Amino acid sequence: MDFDYSPRTKELQARVRQFMDDHVYPNEKRFSDEIEANTRAGKRWTPTLVIEELKKKAQAQGLWNLFFPVDSAEVAGLSGVDMGPGLTNQEYAPLAEIMGRVPWASEVFNCSAPDTGNMETIARYGSTELKQRWLAPLLRGEMR
């Protein structure tokens, strides 16, 4: 078997690395500070502003829903929702490895558990109504 990365994967690796360098690593302290402030205020699980800001940047740069496989996108039946580039596991794995360098980074790319598994399950087995109610907002990063 050939386990070399494809040109597409190498290009996405470079883009994810650059995004991490430009936006995620410089915001690690800000994230920690926000979590600490939220915790002191009794709002530990309130979404952080830094993640919400970075999610918009990642989506604008086409680094969104990278986990979502092409076969899930094909059966999702949604229009007007960014379902990502439709990568295989072999293509996605090295991107997840880069994101994993910061514990919260995968959320910035809308690639964090348990949302990823929920999205794939709903895409494959959910009714049209469930897909509209839950899958579309999950894919847009509007809910967790």
C-alpha atoms as a PDB file:
ATOM      1  CA  MET A   1       0.000   0.000   0.000  1.00  0.00           C
ATOM      2  CA  ASP A   2       1.085   3.530  -0.712  1.00  0.00           C
ATOM      3  CA  PHE A   3       0.940   5.689   2.409  1.00  0.00           C
ATOM      4  CA  ASP A   4       2.611   8.735   0.910  1.00  0.00           C
ATOM      5  CA  TYR A   5       0.597  11.902   1.317  1.00  0.00           C
ATOM      6  CA  SER A   6      -1.141  13.123  -1.793  1.00  0.00           C
ATOM      7  CA  PRO A   7      -0.428  16.617  -3.146  1.00  0.00           C
ATOM      8  CA  ARG A   8      -3.869  17.628  -1.852  1.00  0.00           C
ATOM      9  CA  THR A   9      -2.987  16.428   1.653  1.00  0.00           C
ATOM     10  CA  LYS A  10       0.391  18.150   1.600  1.00  0.00           C
ATOM     11  CA  GLU A  11      -1.248  21.408   0.545  1.00  0.00           C
ATOM     12  CA  LEU A  12      -3.842  21.142   3.329  1.00  0.00           C
ATOM     13  CA  GLN A  13      -1.124  20.272   5.856  1.00  0.00           C
ATOM     14  CA  ALA A  14       0.716  23.453   4.931  1.00  0.00           C
ATOM     15  CA  ARG A  15      -2.468  25.513   5.232  1.00  0.00           C
ATOM     16  CA  VAL A  16      -3.426  24.018   8.606  1.00  0.00           C
ATOM     17  CA  ARG A  17       0.136  24.509   9.917  1.00  0.00           C
ATOM     18  CA  GLN A  18       0.073  28.139   8.774  1.00  0.00           C
ATOM     19  CA  PHE A  19      -3.312  28.712  10.401  1.00  0.00           C
ATOM     20  CA  MET A  20      -2.050  27.196  13.638  1.00  0.00           C
ATOM     21  CA  ASP A  21       1.073  29.394  13.503  1.00  0.00           C
ATOM     22  CA  ASP A  22      -0.859  32.558  12.660  1.00  0.00           C
ATOM     23  CA  HIS A  23      -3.963  32.168  14.807  1.00  0.00           C
ATOM     24  CA  VAL A  24      -4.043  29.267  17.259  1.00  0.00           C
ATOM     25  CA  TYR A  25      -0.639  29.280  18.963  1.00  0.00           C
ATOM     26  CA  PRO A  26      -0.691  33.074  19.491  1.00  0.00           C
ATOM     27  CA  ASN A  27      -4.086  32.741  21.219  1.00  0.00           C
ATOM     28  CA  GLU A  28      -3.319  29.949  23.690  1.00  0.00           C
ATOM     29  CA  LYS A  29      -2.952  32.339  26.628  1.00  0.00           C
ATOM     30  CA  ARG A  30      -6.073  34.254  25.626  1.00  0.00           C
ATOM     31  CA  PHE A  31      -8.021  30.982  25.572  1.00  0.00           C
ATOM     32  CA  SER A  32      -6.733  30.025  29.033  1.00  0.00           C
ATOM     33  CA  ASP A  33      -7.544  33.483  30.361  1.00  0.00           C
ATOM     34  CA  GLU A  34     -11.094  33.303  28.973  1.00  0.00           C
ATOM     35  CA  ILE A  35     -11.660  29.864  30.487  1.00  0.00           C
ATOM     36  CA  GLU A  36     -10.351  31.083  33.839  1.00  0.00           C
ATOM     37  CA  ALA A  37     -12.569  34.188  33.752  1.00  0.00           C
ATOM     38  CA  ASN A  38     -15.619  32.158  32.724  1.00  0.00           C
ATOM     39  CA  THR A  39     -14.956  29.666  35.517  1.00  0.00           C
ATOM     40  CA  ARG A  40     -14.628  32.426  38.127  1.00  0.00           C
ATOM     41  CA  ALA A  41     -17.914  33.882  36.876  1.00  0.00           C
ATOM     42  CA  GLY A  42     -19.655  30.511  37.180  1.00  0.00           C
ATOM     43  CA  LYS A  43     -19.898  30.140  33.388  1.00  0.00           C
ATOM     44  CA  ARG A  44     -17.233  27.473  32.755  1.00  0.00           C
ATOM     45  CA  TRP A  45     -18.946  26.009  29.683  1.00  0.00           C
ATOM     46  CA  THR A  46     -19.700  29.312  27.962  1.00  0.00           C
ATOM     47  CA  PRO A  47     -18.186  29.330  24.442  1.00  0.00           C
ATOM     48  CA  THR A  48     -15.014  31.387  24.332  1.00  0.00           C
ATOM     49  CA  LEU A  49     -14.798  34.438  22.133  1.00  0.00           C
ATOM     50  CA  VAL A  50     -11.406  33.393  20.807  1.00  0.00           C
ATOM     51  CA  ILE A  51     -12.711  30.088  19.467  1.00  0.00           C
ATOM     52  CA  GLU A  52     -15.759  31.750  17.923  1.00  0.00           C
ATOM     53  CA  GLU A  53     -13.519  34.315  16.185  1.00  0.00           C
ATOM     54  CA  LEU A  54     -11.095  31.676  14.936  1.00  0.00           C
ATOM     55  CA  LYS A  55     -13.925  29.471  13.651  1.00  0.00           C
ATOM     56  CA  LYS A  56     -14.945  32.264  11.289  1.00  0.00           C
ATOM     57  CA  LYS A  57     -11.372  32.620  10.048  1.00  0.00           C
ATOM     58  CA  ALA A  58     -10.931  28.883   9.509  1.00  0.00           C
ATOM     59  CA  GLN A  59     -14.182  28.669   7.583  1.00  0.00           C
ATOM     60  CA  ALA A  60     -13.248  31.683   5.454  1.00  0.00           C
ATOM     61  CA  GLN A  61      -9.948  29.992   4.600  1.00  0.00           C
ATOM     62  CA  GLY A  62     -11.637  26.751   3.528  1.00  0.00           C
ATOM     63  CA  LEU A  63     -10.369  24.851   6.571  1.00  0.00           C
ATOM     64  CA  TRP A  64     -13.785  23.776   7.774  1.00  0.00           C
ATOM     65  CA  ASN A  65     -15.296  20.341   8.398  1.00  0.00           C
ATOM     66  CA  LEU A  66     -12.077  18.701   7.254  1.00  0.00           C
ATOM     67  CA  PHE A  67     -13.101  15.470   9.029  1.00  0.00           C
ATOM     68  CA  PHE A  68     -16.356  15.025   7.062  1.00  0.00           C
ATOM     69  CA  PRO A  69     -15.826  12.208   4.550  1.00  0.00           C
ATOM     70  CA  VAL A  70     -17.080  12.475   1.007  1.00  0.00           C
ATOM     71  CA  ASP A  71     -19.468   9.540   1.425  1.00  0.00           C
ATOM     72  CA  SER A  72     -21.129  11.269   4.396  1.00  0.00           C
ATOM     73  CA  ALA A  73     -21.413  14.492   2.415  1.00  0.00           C
ATOM     74  CA  GLU A  74     -23.010  12.596  -0.467  1.00  0.00           C
ATOM     75  CA  VAL A  75     -25.785  11.159   1.717  1.00  0.00           C
ATOM     76  CA  ALA A  76     -26.315  14.282   3.839  1.00  0.00           C
ATOM     77  CA  GLY A  77     -28.604  15.808   1.233  1.00  0.00           C
ATOM     78  CA  LEU A  78     -28.045  19.380   2.392  1.00  0.00           C
ATOM     79  CA  SER A  79     -27.515  22.360   0.154  1.00  0.00           C
ATOM     80  CA  GLY A  80     -25.924  25.641   1.103  1.00  0.00           C
ATOM     81  CA  VAL A  81     -23.880  24.076   3.930  1.00  0.00           C
ATOM     82  CA  ASP A  82     -20.079  23.830   3.813  1.00  0.00           C
ATOM     83  CA  MET A  83     -19.416  20.114   4.205  1.00  0.00           C
ATOM     84  CA  GLY A  84     -15.661  20.429   3.780  1.00  0.00           C
ATOM     85  CA  PRO A  85     -13.388  19.013   1.104  1.00  0.00           C
ATOM     86  CA  GLY A  86     -14.540  15.400   1.479  1.00  0.00           C
ATOM     87  CA  LEU A  87     -11.292  13.835   2.636  1.00  0.00           C
ATOM     88  CA  THR A  88     -10.510  10.191   3.238  1.00  0.00           C
ATOM     89  CA  ASN A  89      -9.260   9.071   6.653  1.00  0.00           C
ATOM     90  CA  GLN A  90      -5.755   8.837   5.205  1.00  0.00           C
ATOM     91  CA  GLU A  91      -5.988  12.452   4.022  1.00  0.00           C
ATOM     92  CA  TYR A  92      -7.553  13.735   7.241  1.00  0.00           C
ATOM     93  CA  ALA A  93      -5.295  11.950   9.757  1.00  0.00           C
ATOM     94  CA  PRO A  94      -2.201  14.158   9.271  1.00  0.00           C
ATOM     95  CA  LEU A  95      -4.390  17.261   9.583  1.00  0.00           C
ATOM     96  CA  ALA A  96      -5.873  15.974  12.843  1.00  0.00           C
ATOM     97  CA  GLU A  97      -2.336  15.358  14.068  1.00  0.00           C
ATOM     98  CA  ILE A  98      -1.464  19.020  13.491  1.00  0.00           C
ATOM     99  CA  MET A  99      -4.678  20.232  15.153  1.00  0.00           C
ATOM    100  CA  GLY A 100      -3.997  17.941  18.103  1.00  0.00           C
ATOM    101  CA  ARG A 101      -0.970  19.979  19.106  1.00  0.00           C
ATOM    102  CA  VAL A 102      -3.353  22.307  20.954  1.00  0.00           C
ATOM    103  CA  PRO A 103      -6.172  20.564  22.839  1.00  0.00           C
ATOM    104  CA  TRP A 104      -8.898  22.964  21.729  1.00  0.00           C
ATOM    105  CA  ALA A 105      -7.754  23.597  18.144  1.00  0.00           C
ATOM    106  CA  SER A 106      -9.941  20.963  16.494  1.00  0.00           C
ATOM    107  CA  GLU A 107     -13.017  22.947  17.540  1.00  0.00           C
ATOM    108  CA  VAL A 108     -11.713  25.925  15.567  1.00  0.00           C
ATOM    109  CA  PHE A 109     -11.889  23.796  12.397  1.00  0.00           C
ATOM    110  CA  ASN A 110     -15.260  22.263  13.410  1.00  0.00           C
ATOM    111  CA  CYS A 111     -13.516  18.910  13.797  1.00  0.00           C
ATOM    112  CA  SER A 112     -13.968  18.137  17.493  1.00  0.00           C
ATOM    113  CA  ALA A 113     -15.535  15.189  19.215  1.00  0.00           C
ATOM    114  CA  PRO A 114     -18.245  14.340  19.962  1.00  0.00           C
ATOM    115  CA  ASP A 115     -19.634  16.580  17.230  1.00  0.00           C
ATOM    116  CA  THR A 116     -17.783  14.811  14.423  1.00  0.00           C
ATOM    117  CA  GLY A 117     -19.252  11.407  15.201  1.00  0.00           C
ATOM    118  CA  ASN A 118     -22.699  12.885  15.713  1.00  0.00           C
ATOM    119  CA  MET A 119     -22.530  14.643  12.341  1.00  0.00           C
ATOM    120  CA  GLU A 120     -21.448  11.510  10.504  1.00  0.00           C
ATOM    121  CA  THR A 121     -24.171   9.431  12.171  1.00  0.00           C
ATOM    122  CA  ILE A 122     -26.931  11.935  11.423  1.00  0.00           C
ATOM    123  CA  ALA A 123     -25.708  12.340   7.828  1.00  0.00           C
ATOM    124  CA  ARG A 124     -25.852   8.591   7.234  1.00  0.00           C
ATOM    125  CA  TYR A 125     -28.928   7.578   9.205  1.00  0.00           C
ATOM    126  CA  GLY A 126     -30.939  10.672  10.077  1.00  0.00           C
ATOM    127  CA  SER A 127     -34.237  11.626   8.508  1.00  0.00           C
ATOM    128  CA  THR A 128     -34.488  14.767   6.408  1.00  0.00           C
ATOM    129  CA  GLU A 129     -36.086  16.499   9.389  1.00  0.00           C
ATOM    130  CA  LEU A 130     -33.249  15.500  11.736  1.00  0.00           C
ATOM    131  CA  LYS A 131     -30.648  16.610   9.198  1.00  0.00           C
ATOM    132  CA  GLN A 132     -32.255  20.040   8.906  1.00  0.00           C
ATOM    133  CA  ARG A 133     -32.734  20.431  12.659  1.00  0.00           C
ATOM    134  CA  TRP A 134     -29.367  19.091  13.891  1.00  0.00           C
ATOM    135  CA  LEU A 135     -26.892  18.329  11.113  1.00  0.00           C
ATOM    136  CA  ALA A 136     -27.036  21.666   9.294  1.00  0.00           C
ATOM    137  CA  PRO A 137     -26.354  23.750  12.460  1.00  0.00           C
ATOM    138  CA  LEU A 138     -23.618  21.328  13.562  1.00  0.00           C
ATOM    139  CA  LEU A 139     -21.907  21.574  10.166  1.00  0.00           C
ATOM    140  CA  ARG A 140     -22.139  25.370  10.339  1.00  0.00           C
ATOM    141  CA  GLY A 141     -20.580  25.316  13.834  1.00  0.00           C
ATOM    142  CA  GLU A 142     -23.606  27.008  15.364  1.00  0.00           C
ATOM    143  CA  MET A 143     -24.143  24.412  18.078  1.00  0.00           C
ATOM    144  CA  ARG A 144     -22.247  21.756  19.983  1.00  0.00           C
END
